[in-house]
Amino acid sequence: MEQNPEIEIIQNLLVFAVESDGDELRVDIYGGGDCVCGTLIYRFSDRREHTERTEVLRRWCEEGTPVTYVRREGSAALLDEVALLSDAMAD
C-alpha cells in the first residue's frame, strides 16, 4: 500500500499583489490562522494560460476573495475553495 505524500493546506489567505514579468507570475499572499506572509512564483510559457491566470489572481486581489493554498510534492496552487464548493453543490 502506497503512502500519501504530505499535503500542506492553508485556508483564508488573501492576495495582496500580482506581478507579471515575462513567463513569471509573482503572487503575494497573506493571512490565515497563522498570519502567513509570502510570495508564490509561477511560470507559464503559454501566453494564453499566463493571461488567464493573471486575470483570475488580480480579480481575487481586487475583490478580497479568500483563497486556499495547497502544496504537494514541490508544486503549489491557490484555490477559491468557496467557489469550488458552491459549483460542486450546484451540480
Protein backbone atom coordinates (compact mmCIF):
# COMPACT_ATOMS: atom_id res chain seq x y z
CA MET A 1 0.00 0.00 0.00
CA GLU A 2 1.38 3.41 -1.00
CA GLN A 3 1.58 6.26 1.47
CA ASN A 4 0.06 9.60 0.53
CA PRO A 5 2.66 12.33 0.18
CA GLU A 6 2.32 15.18 2.63
CA ILE A 7 -0.11 17.87 1.59
CA GLU A 8 0.07 21.35 3.10
CA ILE A 9 -3.16 23.37 3.19
CA ILE A 10 -3.55 26.94 4.44
CA GLN A 11 -7.01 28.50 4.28
CA ASN A 12 -8.31 32.08 4.46
CA LEU A 13 -5.44 33.79 2.68
CA LEU A 14 -5.76 36.97 0.67
CA VAL A 15 -3.88 38.01 -2.45
CA PHE A 16 -2.03 41.26 -1.78
CA ALA A 17 -0.38 41.81 -5.17
CA VAL A 18 0.13 40.16 -8.56
CA GLU A 19 3.11 41.00 -10.78
CA SER A 20 3.79 39.67 -14.25
CA ASP A 21 7.27 39.64 -15.80
CA GLY A 22 7.81 37.54 -18.93
CA ASP A 23 6.82 33.94 -18.17
CA GLU A 24 6.91 34.64 -14.44
CA LEU A 25 3.87 35.47 -12.34
CA ARG A 26 4.53 36.56 -8.73
CA VAL A 27 1.68 36.42 -6.25
CA ASP A 28 1.99 37.96 -2.77
CA ILE A 29 -0.32 36.37 -0.18
CA TYR A 30 -1.04 36.97 3.49
CA GLY A 31 -3.44 35.98 6.25
CA GLY A 32 -4.69 32.63 7.50
CA GLY A 33 -4.81 31.38 11.06
CA ASP A 34 -1.02 31.53 11.44
CA CYS A 35 -0.57 35.00 9.88
CA VAL A 36 1.21 33.74 6.77
CA CYS A 37 3.01 36.19 4.50
CA GLY A 38 4.83 35.12 1.36
CA THR A 39 5.25 35.07 -2.38
CA LEU A 40 4.40 32.33 -4.85
CA ILE A 41 6.15 32.29 -8.20
CA TYR A 42 4.51 30.57 -11.15
CA ARG A 43 5.94 30.18 -14.64
CA PHE A 44 3.65 29.90 -17.65
CA SER A 45 5.29 29.65 -21.06
CA ASP A 46 1.85 29.52 -22.72
CA ARG A 47 0.81 33.19 -23.08
CA ARG A 48 -2.91 32.40 -23.04
CA GLU A 49 -2.64 30.44 -19.79
CA HIS A 50 -0.43 33.18 -18.30
CA THR A 51 -3.00 35.85 -19.18
CA GLU A 52 -5.93 33.81 -17.86
CA ARG A 53 -4.20 33.05 -14.54
CA THR A 54 -3.13 36.67 -14.15
CA GLU A 55 -6.71 37.89 -14.65
CA VAL A 56 -8.11 35.43 -12.09
CA LEU A 57 -5.47 36.29 -9.49
CA ARG A 58 -5.93 40.04 -9.98
CA ARG A 59 -9.69 39.64 -9.64
CA TRP A 60 -9.21 37.76 -6.36
CA CYS A 61 -6.90 40.54 -5.19
CA GLU A 62 -9.32 43.34 -6.11
CA GLU A 63 -12.39 41.56 -4.68
CA GLY A 64 -10.68 40.37 -1.49
CA THR A 65 -11.53 36.74 -2.28
CA PRO A 66 -10.30 34.34 0.42
CA VAL A 67 -8.11 31.67 -1.16
CA THR A 68 -6.65 28.35 -0.06
CA TYR A 69 -3.01 27.44 -0.59
CA VAL A 70 -2.37 23.77 -1.40
CA ARG A 71 1.17 22.37 -1.72
CA ARG A 72 2.14 18.83 -2.64
CA GLU A 73 5.41 17.38 -3.94
CA GLY A 74 7.03 20.66 -4.93
CA SER A 75 4.02 22.24 -6.63
CA ALA A 76 1.65 24.77 -5.14
CA ALA A 77 -1.74 26.17 -6.09
CA LEU A 78 -4.15 28.81 -4.90
CA LEU A 79 -7.84 27.91 -4.99
CA ASP A 80 -11.08 29.77 -4.45
CA GLU A 81 -12.41 27.00 -2.23
CA VAL A 82 -15.82 28.64 -1.68
CA ALA A 83 -16.44 28.90 -5.44
CA LEU A 84 -15.31 25.30 -6.00
CA LEU A 85 -17.66 24.01 -3.31
CA SER A 86 -20.53 26.21 -4.49
CA ASP A 87 -20.12 24.90 -8.05
CA ALA A 88 -19.98 21.31 -6.81
CA MET A 89 -23.13 21.74 -4.71
CA ALA A 90 -24.99 23.37 -7.61
CA ASP A 91 -24.49 20.30 -9.83
